[in-house]
Amino acid sequence: YAVRMLGGQTNGEMFTFAAAEGFMIRDGKLAEPVSDVTLSGNVFQTLKDIESIGNDSVYAYGGCGKGGQGGLPVSVGGPHLRIKNVVVGGR
């Protein structure tokens, strides 16, 4: 279970982003916390792999920039998702 996005990037169809917190899910319940959670994959395949979508959308404002550029205003957020076959890395 990945909670809150810290940052991420895209390169064509591929994406990577880091979560602020992560937890294992065992028997349908939150279990032990995990650290350094990163999700990555192909955007289009990941969209196809969404199994369920919550009705609890939350959005926040942020900025997007790189290499010393000023942050462009963007928003981030959405509902909870359950995705099969997403690549998750962490400890």
C-alpha atoms as a PDB file:
ATOM      1  CA  TYR A   1       0.000   0.000   0.000  1.00  0.00           C
ATOM      2  CA  ALA A   2       1.751   3.149  -1.220  1.00  0.00           C
ATOM      3  CA  VAL A   3       0.818   6.391   0.533  1.00  0.00           C
ATOM      4  CA  ARG A   4       1.410   9.929  -0.824  1.00  0.00           C
ATOM      5  CA  MET A   5       3.701  10.601  -3.750  1.00  0.00           C
ATOM      6  CA  LEU A   6       7.075  12.207  -3.001  1.00  0.00           C
ATOM      7  CA  GLY A   7       8.108  12.726  -6.596  1.00  0.00           C
ATOM      8  CA  GLY A   8       8.457  10.969  -9.873  1.00  0.00           C
ATOM      9  CA  GLN A   9       9.290  11.117 -13.516  1.00  0.00           C
ATOM     10  CA  THR A  10       8.231   9.859 -16.900  1.00  0.00           C
ATOM     11  CA  ASN A  11      10.266   8.937 -19.940  1.00  0.00           C
ATOM     12  CA  GLY A  12       7.963   8.341 -22.867  1.00  0.00           C
ATOM     13  CA  GLU A  13       5.613   5.545 -21.797  1.00  0.00           C
ATOM     14  CA  MET A  14       7.599   4.603 -18.682  1.00  0.00           C
ATOM     15  CA  PHE A  15       7.068   6.077 -15.210  1.00  0.00           C
ATOM     16  CA  THR A  16       8.694   5.909 -11.788  1.00  0.00           C
ATOM     17  CA  PHE A  17       7.557   7.518  -8.563  1.00  0.00           C
ATOM     18  CA  ALA A  18       8.390   7.289  -4.886  1.00  0.00           C
ATOM     19  CA  ALA A  19       5.860   7.024  -2.072  1.00  0.00           C
ATOM     20  CA  ALA A  20       6.196   8.778   1.297  1.00  0.00           C
ATOM     21  CA  GLU A  21       5.090   5.625   3.129  1.00  0.00           C
ATOM     22  CA  GLY A  22       4.465   2.017   2.245  1.00  0.00           C
ATOM     23  CA  PHE A  23       2.910  -1.007   3.933  1.00  0.00           C
ATOM     24  CA  MET A  24       2.626  -4.673   3.093  1.00  0.00           C
ATOM     25  CA  ILE A  25      -0.905  -6.008   2.775  1.00  0.00           C
ATOM     26  CA  ARG A  26      -1.528  -9.462   4.244  1.00  0.00           C
ATOM     27  CA  ASP A  27      -4.908 -11.187   4.186  1.00  0.00           C
ATOM     28  CA  GLY A  28      -6.519  -7.940   3.038  1.00  0.00           C
ATOM     29  CA  LYS A  29      -5.203  -5.918   6.013  1.00  0.00           C
ATOM     30  CA  LEU A  30      -2.350  -3.435   6.407  1.00  0.00           C
ATOM     31  CA  ALA A  31       0.715  -5.148   7.861  1.00  0.00           C
ATOM     32  CA  GLU A  32       4.290  -4.036   8.545  1.00  0.00           C
ATOM     33  CA  PRO A  33       5.658  -0.790   7.113  1.00  0.00           C
ATOM     34  CA  VAL A  34       8.257  -0.902   4.325  1.00  0.00           C
ATOM     35  CA  SER A  35      10.731   1.824   3.418  1.00  0.00           C
ATOM     36  CA  ASP A  36      12.004   3.339   0.175  1.00  0.00           C
ATOM     37  CA  VAL A  37       8.886   2.396  -1.806  1.00  0.00           C
ATOM     38  CA  THR A  38       9.120   3.071  -5.543  1.00  0.00           C
ATOM     39  CA  LEU A  39       6.575   2.110  -8.204  1.00  0.00           C
ATOM     40  CA  SER A  40       7.489   1.891 -11.877  1.00  0.00           C
ATOM     41  CA  GLY A  41       6.194   0.568 -15.150  1.00  0.00           C
ATOM     42  CA  ASN A  42       4.584   1.316 -18.483  1.00  0.00           C
ATOM     43  CA  VAL A  43       1.813   3.898 -18.126  1.00  0.00           C
ATOM     44  CA  PHE A  44      -0.519   2.243 -20.627  1.00  0.00           C
ATOM     45  CA  GLN A  45      -0.093  -1.283 -19.256  1.00  0.00           C
ATOM     46  CA  THR A  46      -0.545  -0.026 -15.695  1.00  0.00           C
ATOM     47  CA  LEU A  47      -3.806   1.676 -16.667  1.00  0.00           C
ATOM     48  CA  LYS A  48      -5.003  -1.641 -18.132  1.00  0.00           C
ATOM     49  CA  ASP A  49      -4.007  -3.398 -14.885  1.00  0.00           C
ATOM     50  CA  ILE A  50      -6.233  -1.275 -12.609  1.00  0.00           C
ATOM     51  CA  GLU A  51      -8.565  -3.712 -10.831  1.00  0.00           C
ATOM     52  CA  SER A  52     -10.610  -1.288  -8.728  1.00  0.00           C
ATOM     53  CA  ILE A  53     -10.986   2.453  -8.127  1.00  0.00           C
ATOM     54  CA  GLY A  54     -12.059   4.090  -4.862  1.00  0.00           C
ATOM     55  CA  ASN A  55     -14.485   6.987  -4.519  1.00  0.00           C
ATOM     56  CA  ASP A  56     -12.172   9.015  -2.265  1.00  0.00           C
ATOM     57  CA  SER A  57     -10.323  11.414  -4.592  1.00  0.00           C
ATOM     58  CA  VAL A  58      -7.933  13.872  -2.945  1.00  0.00           C
ATOM     59  CA  TYR A  59      -5.827  16.414  -4.841  1.00  0.00           C
ATOM     60  CA  ALA A  60      -2.975  18.710  -3.816  1.00  0.00           C
ATOM     61  CA  TYR A  61      -1.002  21.443  -5.557  1.00  0.00           C
ATOM     62  CA  GLY A  62       2.660  21.080  -6.327  1.00  0.00           C
ATOM     63  CA  GLY A  63       5.380  22.107  -8.717  1.00  0.00           C
ATOM     64  CA  CYS A  64       7.247  20.398 -11.532  1.00  0.00           C
ATOM     65  CA  GLY A  65      10.752  21.370 -12.583  1.00  0.00           C
ATOM     66  CA  LYS A  66      14.265  20.099 -13.099  1.00  0.00           C
ATOM     67  CA  GLY A  67      17.792  21.365 -13.491  1.00  0.00           C
ATOM     68  CA  GLY A  68      17.182  24.537 -11.470  1.00  0.00           C
ATOM     69  CA  GLN A  69      14.041  25.505 -13.384  1.00  0.00           C
ATOM     70  CA  GLY A  70      11.267  27.154 -11.443  1.00  0.00           C
ATOM     71  CA  GLY A  71       8.464  24.777 -10.612  1.00  0.00           C
ATOM     72  CA  LEU A  72       5.529  24.804 -12.996  1.00  0.00           C
ATOM     73  CA  PRO A  73       2.239  24.646 -11.105  1.00  0.00           C
ATOM     74  CA  VAL A  74       0.728  21.163 -11.236  1.00  0.00           C
ATOM     75  CA  SER A  75      -1.646  19.080  -9.171  1.00  0.00           C
ATOM     76  CA  VAL A  76      -1.316  15.516  -7.982  1.00  0.00           C
ATOM     77  CA  GLY A  77      -3.767  13.072  -6.514  1.00  0.00           C
ATOM     78  CA  GLY A  78      -6.727  10.885  -7.228  1.00  0.00           C
ATOM     79  CA  PRO A  79      -8.614   8.027  -5.632  1.00  0.00           C
ATOM     80  CA  HIS A  80      -7.174   4.856  -4.131  1.00  0.00           C
ATOM     81  CA  LEU A  81      -6.395   2.259  -6.811  1.00  0.00           C
ATOM     82  CA  ARG A  82      -5.759  -1.460  -6.720  1.00  0.00           C
ATOM     83  CA  ILE A  83      -3.353  -2.403  -9.502  1.00  0.00           C
ATOM     84  CA  LYS A  84      -2.227  -5.910 -10.399  1.00  0.00           C
ATOM     85  CA  ASN A  85       1.290  -6.566 -11.711  1.00  0.00           C
ATOM     86  CA  VAL A  86       2.765  -3.163 -10.842  1.00  0.00           C
ATOM     87  CA  VAL A  87       6.495  -3.245 -10.062  1.00  0.00           C
ATOM     88  CA  VAL A  88       7.163  -2.151  -6.487  1.00  0.00           C
ATOM     89  CA  GLY A  89      10.647  -1.791  -5.073  1.00  0.00           C
ATOM     90  CA  GLY A  90      11.608  -1.109  -1.486  1.00  0.00           C
ATOM     91  CA  ARG A  91      12.923  -2.598   1.713  1.00  0.00           C
END
